[in-house]
Amino acid sequence: MIASPARAHAPGGRRQGLSGFSRLSLEGWRFWLADELVPCAGELLVGLRQAQRSPAHGLGGRQSAFPVQAGGSALFLRLCRRGGLMRLLAADLYLGVAPRPLAELRTMVEAARRGLAVTQPMGAAVKWLLPGLYRGLFLTRALAGMTLWDFIRTDDDPQVRAHVLAEARRTIDEIHQAGLFHADLNLCNLFVARNGERLSVVVLDLDKARFYPRPLGPALRRANLRRLLRSARRLDPGERFLDRRALELLGAS
């Protein structure tokens, strides 16, 4: 039996400062959900249960993203998981009183409001296990396409590859100009979206990203691009897919 939404607040989510989102509790999870998804929240729970039963079969660099359906909409549900050495100690547990998924939702809503190339945010949720200890998830509208890393490994047309790398650089320049610092810019957090014959590049995963009041200065821009270069060196140490020219187009040389 699918649980019904409990303690749902009025659409608009103004108590959380998120216009167009509502807060509701479902099976121990506190959701901030796009208003259009509130009537089909039960479908999201089905997708969440399936994702939790198959934690090693997700998509993305951390195998943490799962396609789900709700109200006829195709979505991606990303379970929050740690990278680096912390994943060995507490892969999906987070400490703090200000949940990172909610902060990410606010950042992505603002990025979308400014017209930046990000995936459409559809919600976030937190499950408190103890005071200050929680698990989290994030919801976005699904896009047709693949990560930049997958794209450059599968498309062998040099003109198309050069176009996509230039599009990725344009997207990075735009978020920098808007004052958005991405805390984990890498080849798997840049997504090549396909709309008919048109290819564009959008940014994924704004966890720990933040807006500055002005365009990013040179130091912060270099920090983002150095992180992108480290990603390229780690994934493609032999420069089989990303040679010096490709890295120059991407701005990560």
Protein backbone atom coordinates (compact mmCIF):
# COMPACT_ATOMS: atom_id res chain seq x y z
CA MET A 1 0.00 0.00 0.00
CA ILE A 2 1.35 3.41 -0.95
CA ALA A 3 1.42 5.96 1.83
CA SER A 4 -0.45 9.21 1.37
CA PRO A 5 1.28 12.55 1.83
CA ALA A 6 1.18 13.68 5.45
CA ARG A 7 1.52 17.17 6.91
CA ALA A 8 1.68 18.79 3.49
CA HIS A 9 1.89 22.57 3.57
CA ALA A 10 0.30 24.96 1.15
CA PRO A 11 1.79 25.04 -2.35
CA GLY A 12 4.59 27.53 -2.76
CA GLY A 13 6.75 26.28 0.09
CA ARG A 14 7.13 29.82 1.41
CA ARG A 15 8.12 28.52 4.83
CA GLN A 16 11.31 27.26 3.19
CA GLY A 17 11.71 30.26 0.91
CA LEU A 18 11.13 28.11 -2.19
CA SER A 19 8.39 29.35 -4.46
CA GLY A 20 6.72 26.51 -6.34
CA PHE A 21 7.66 23.81 -3.80
CA SER A 22 5.72 22.24 -0.94
CA ARG A 23 6.89 20.47 2.17
CA LEU A 24 5.50 17.06 3.11
CA SER A 25 6.50 14.02 5.17
CA LEU A 26 6.46 10.49 3.75
CA GLU A 27 7.70 7.37 5.52
CA GLY A 28 10.18 9.28 7.63
CA TRP A 29 11.45 11.46 4.75
CA ARG A 30 10.92 15.21 4.80
CA PHE A 31 10.36 16.27 1.18
CA TRP A 32 10.51 19.68 -0.50
CA LEU A 33 8.66 18.78 -3.67
CA ALA A 34 7.68 20.70 -6.81
CA ASP A 35 3.98 21.47 -6.50
CA GLU A 36 3.14 19.55 -9.65
CA LEU A 37 4.56 16.36 -8.10
CA VAL A 38 2.70 16.54 -4.79
CA PRO A 39 -0.38 14.61 -6.06
CA CYS A 40 1.85 11.75 -7.24
CA ALA A 41 4.24 11.62 -4.29
CA GLY A 42 3.32 7.98 -3.73
CA GLU A 43 4.85 7.09 -7.11
CA LEU A 44 8.10 8.69 -5.99
CA LEU A 45 8.13 6.45 -2.94
CA VAL A 46 7.92 3.41 -5.21
CA GLY A 47 10.94 4.65 -7.16
CA LEU A 48 12.80 5.44 -3.94
CA ARG A 49 12.21 1.96 -2.56
CA GLN A 50 13.49 0.40 -5.78
CA ALA A 51 16.60 2.59 -5.71
CA GLN A 52 17.32 1.65 -2.11
CA ARG A 53 17.02 -2.03 -2.97
CA SER A 54 19.57 -1.67 -5.79
CA PRO A 55 22.19 0.74 -4.42
CA ALA A 56 24.99 -0.52 -6.71
CA HIS A 57 23.00 -0.29 -9.96
CA GLY A 58 22.55 3.44 -10.31
CA LEU A 59 23.96 5.75 -12.94
CA GLY A 60 26.69 8.37 -12.70
CA GLY A 61 30.12 8.36 -11.18
CA ARG A 62 28.84 7.21 -7.78
CA GLN A 63 26.10 4.95 -9.16
CA SER A 64 23.63 7.01 -7.21
CA ALA A 65 21.15 8.28 -9.86
CA PHE A 66 18.03 6.31 -10.75
CA PRO A 67 15.34 7.00 -13.38
CA VAL A 68 11.84 7.23 -11.86
CA GLN A 69 8.38 8.12 -13.12
CA ALA A 70 5.82 10.28 -11.35
CA GLY A 71 2.63 11.68 -12.80
CA GLY A 72 3.80 10.88 -16.31
CA SER A 73 7.04 12.85 -15.84
CA ALA A 74 10.45 11.26 -16.30
CA LEU A 75 12.71 12.17 -13.39
CA PHE A 76 16.10 11.31 -11.96
CA LEU A 77 16.35 10.51 -8.28
CA ARG A 78 19.87 10.91 -6.89
CA LEU A 79 20.68 9.35 -3.55
CA CYS A 80 23.24 11.52 -1.77
CA ARG A 81 26.50 9.61 -1.47
CA ARG A 82 29.95 10.66 -0.48
CA GLY A 83 33.06 10.46 -2.65
CA GLY A 84 36.69 10.22 -1.66
CA LEU A 85 37.84 8.43 1.47
CA MET A 86 34.69 9.38 3.36
CA ARG A 87 32.73 6.92 1.28
CA LEU A 88 34.55 4.10 3.12
CA LEU A 89 33.37 5.37 6.50
CA ALA A 90 29.89 6.73 5.88
CA ALA A 91 28.86 6.40 2.26
CA ASP A 92 25.39 7.95 2.61
CA LEU A 93 25.36 9.51 6.09
CA TYR A 94 25.78 13.25 6.67
CA LEU A 95 26.28 15.37 9.76
CA GLY A 96 24.82 18.82 10.25
CA VAL A 97 21.72 20.78 11.09
CA ALA A 98 21.50 22.53 7.69
CA PRO A 99 20.79 19.70 5.22
CA ARG A 100 22.87 19.84 2.05
CA PRO A 101 20.05 18.64 -0.25
CA LEU A 102 17.92 21.63 0.74
CA ALA A 103 20.84 24.01 0.20
CA GLU A 104 21.42 22.43 -3.21
CA LEU A 105 17.74 22.83 -4.08
CA ARG A 106 17.84 26.52 -3.24
CA THR A 107 21.00 27.00 -5.32
CA MET A 108 19.59 25.14 -8.31
CA VAL A 109 16.27 26.97 -8.16
CA GLU A 110 18.17 30.27 -8.23
CA ALA A 111 20.37 29.05 -11.10
CA ALA A 112 17.29 28.07 -13.11
CA ARG A 113 15.65 31.41 -12.31
CA ARG A 114 18.69 33.17 -13.78
CA GLY A 115 18.45 31.11 -16.95
CA LEU A 116 21.65 29.13 -16.42
CA ALA A 117 22.15 25.76 -18.06
CA VAL A 118 21.20 23.42 -15.21
CA THR A 119 18.83 20.50 -14.95
CA GLN A 120 15.36 21.47 -13.78
CA PRO A 121 15.12 20.95 -10.00
CA MET A 122 12.06 19.00 -8.89
CA GLY A 123 12.68 18.38 -5.22
CA ALA A 124 14.88 17.24 -2.36
CA ALA A 125 14.38 15.15 0.76
CA VAL A 126 16.07 14.44 4.06
CA LYS A 127 15.63 11.52 6.45
CA TRP A 128 16.81 12.31 9.97
CA LEU A 129 18.24 9.29 11.79
CA LEU A 130 19.37 11.19 14.88
CA PRO A 131 19.63 14.90 15.63
CA GLY A 132 22.29 16.15 13.23
CA LEU A 133 22.57 12.84 11.32
CA TYR A 134 20.67 12.31 8.08
CA ARG A 135 20.43 10.74 4.63
CA GLY A 136 19.39 12.78 1.61
CA LEU A 137 18.17 12.64 -1.96
CA PHE A 138 17.65 15.04 -4.85
CA LEU A 139 15.17 15.07 -7.74
CA THR A 140 15.56 16.61 -11.20
CA ARG A 141 13.69 16.49 -14.47
CA ALA A 142 15.21 13.82 -16.73
CA LEU A 143 17.05 14.91 -19.87
CA ALA A 144 17.82 12.94 -23.01
CA GLY A 145 21.56 12.56 -23.45
CA MET A 146 24.65 11.44 -21.54
CA THR A 147 27.48 12.78 -19.45
CA LEU A 148 30.32 14.57 -21.20
CA TRP A 149 32.66 11.72 -20.28
CA ASP A 150 30.34 9.16 -21.90
CA PHE A 151 29.86 11.38 -24.94
CA ILE A 152 33.53 11.87 -25.77
CA ARG A 153 34.05 8.10 -25.53
CA THR A 154 31.21 7.24 -27.90
CA ASP A 155 31.09 9.97 -30.56
CA ASP A 156 33.96 9.68 -33.05
CA ASP A 157 33.04 12.67 -35.25
CA PRO A 158 35.81 15.24 -34.57
CA GLN A 159 33.61 18.20 -35.58
CA VAL A 160 30.79 17.15 -33.28
CA ARG A 161 33.21 16.50 -30.43
CA ALA A 162 34.81 19.92 -30.90
CA HIS A 163 31.37 21.55 -30.95
CA VAL A 164 30.33 19.84 -27.72
CA LEU A 165 33.58 20.70 -25.95
CA ALA A 166 33.12 24.34 -26.99
CA GLU A 167 29.53 24.22 -25.69
CA ALA A 168 30.81 22.85 -22.38
CA ARG A 169 33.29 25.72 -22.14
CA ARG A 170 30.53 28.23 -22.92
CA THR A 171 28.34 26.77 -20.17
CA ILE A 172 31.20 26.95 -17.67
CA ASP A 173 31.93 30.55 -18.64
CA GLU A 174 28.25 31.45 -18.19
CA ILE A 175 27.97 30.03 -14.68
CA HIS A 176 31.23 31.74 -13.72
CA GLN A 177 29.99 35.05 -15.10
CA ALA A 178 26.80 34.61 -13.05
CA GLY A 179 28.88 34.15 -9.89
CA LEU A 180 28.18 30.43 -9.48
CA PHE A 181 31.05 28.36 -8.10
CA HIS A 182 30.68 24.60 -8.68
CA ALA A 183 32.28 22.61 -5.86
CA ASP A 184 32.87 19.46 -7.93
CA LEU A 185 33.17 20.34 -11.61
CA ASN A 186 34.10 17.16 -13.45
CA LEU A 187 33.42 15.30 -16.68
CA CYS A 188 30.49 13.41 -15.13
CA ASN A 189 28.81 16.58 -13.83
CA LEU A 190 28.63 18.09 -17.31
CA PHE A 191 25.75 16.60 -19.29
CA VAL A 192 25.33 16.62 -23.07
CA ALA A 193 21.62 17.14 -23.61
CA ARG A 194 20.03 16.28 -26.95
CA ASN A 195 16.98 18.15 -28.22
CA GLY A 196 16.38 16.86 -31.74
CA GLU A 197 19.56 17.60 -33.65
CA ARG A 198 20.68 20.24 -31.17
CA LEU A 199 23.33 19.41 -28.57
CA SER A 200 23.86 21.55 -25.50
CA VAL A 201 25.71 21.11 -22.23
CA VAL A 202 24.14 21.55 -18.82
CA VAL A 203 25.59 21.37 -15.32
CA LEU A 204 24.65 18.63 -12.86
CA ASP A 205 25.06 18.26 -9.11
CA LEU A 206 25.21 21.63 -7.36
CA ASP A 207 25.89 20.07 -3.96
CA LYS A 208 28.03 22.59 -2.02
CA ALA A 209 27.92 25.01 -4.96
CA ARG A 210 27.36 28.65 -4.06
CA PHE A 211 26.57 31.98 -5.63
CA TYR A 212 28.84 34.97 -5.17
CA PRO A 213 27.44 38.49 -5.50
CA ARG A 214 29.67 39.22 -8.50
CA PRO A 215 31.15 37.24 -11.42
CA LEU A 216 33.80 34.82 -10.19
CA GLY A 217 37.31 36.18 -10.03
CA PRO A 218 40.29 34.51 -11.72
CA ALA A 219 41.26 32.43 -8.67
CA LEU A 220 37.85 30.77 -8.30
CA ARG A 221 37.57 30.17 -12.04
CA ARG A 222 40.99 28.51 -12.05
CA ALA A 223 39.97 26.35 -9.09
CA ASN A 224 36.96 25.04 -11.02
CA LEU A 225 39.02 24.39 -14.15
CA ARG A 226 41.79 22.66 -12.18
CA ARG A 227 39.17 20.32 -10.73
CA LEU A 228 37.95 19.62 -14.26
CA LEU A 229 41.50 18.90 -15.42
CA ARG A 230 42.06 16.48 -12.51
CA SER A 231 38.90 14.68 -13.57
CA ALA A 232 40.20 14.37 -17.14
CA ARG A 233 43.61 13.13 -15.96
CA ARG A 234 42.03 10.55 -13.68
CA LEU A 235 39.50 9.22 -16.20
CA ASP A 236 41.75 9.46 -19.26
CA PRO A 237 45.38 9.25 -18.10
CA GLY A 238 46.61 8.17 -21.54
CA GLU A 239 44.83 11.06 -23.34
CA ARG A 240 43.05 8.58 -25.55
CA PHE A 241 39.90 10.74 -25.69
CA LEU A 242 41.04 14.12 -24.38
CA ASP A 243 44.28 15.26 -25.96
CA ARG A 244 45.84 18.68 -25.40
CA ARG A 245 43.71 20.29 -28.13
CA ALA A 246 40.51 18.90 -26.60
CA LEU A 247 41.50 20.17 -23.15
CA GLU A 248 42.21 23.60 -24.62
CA LEU A 249 38.72 23.69 -26.15
CA LEU A 250 37.31 22.74 -22.76
CA GLY A 251 39.39 25.39 -21.03
CA ALA A 252 41.03 22.83 -18.74
CA SER A 253 44.53 22.69 -20.20
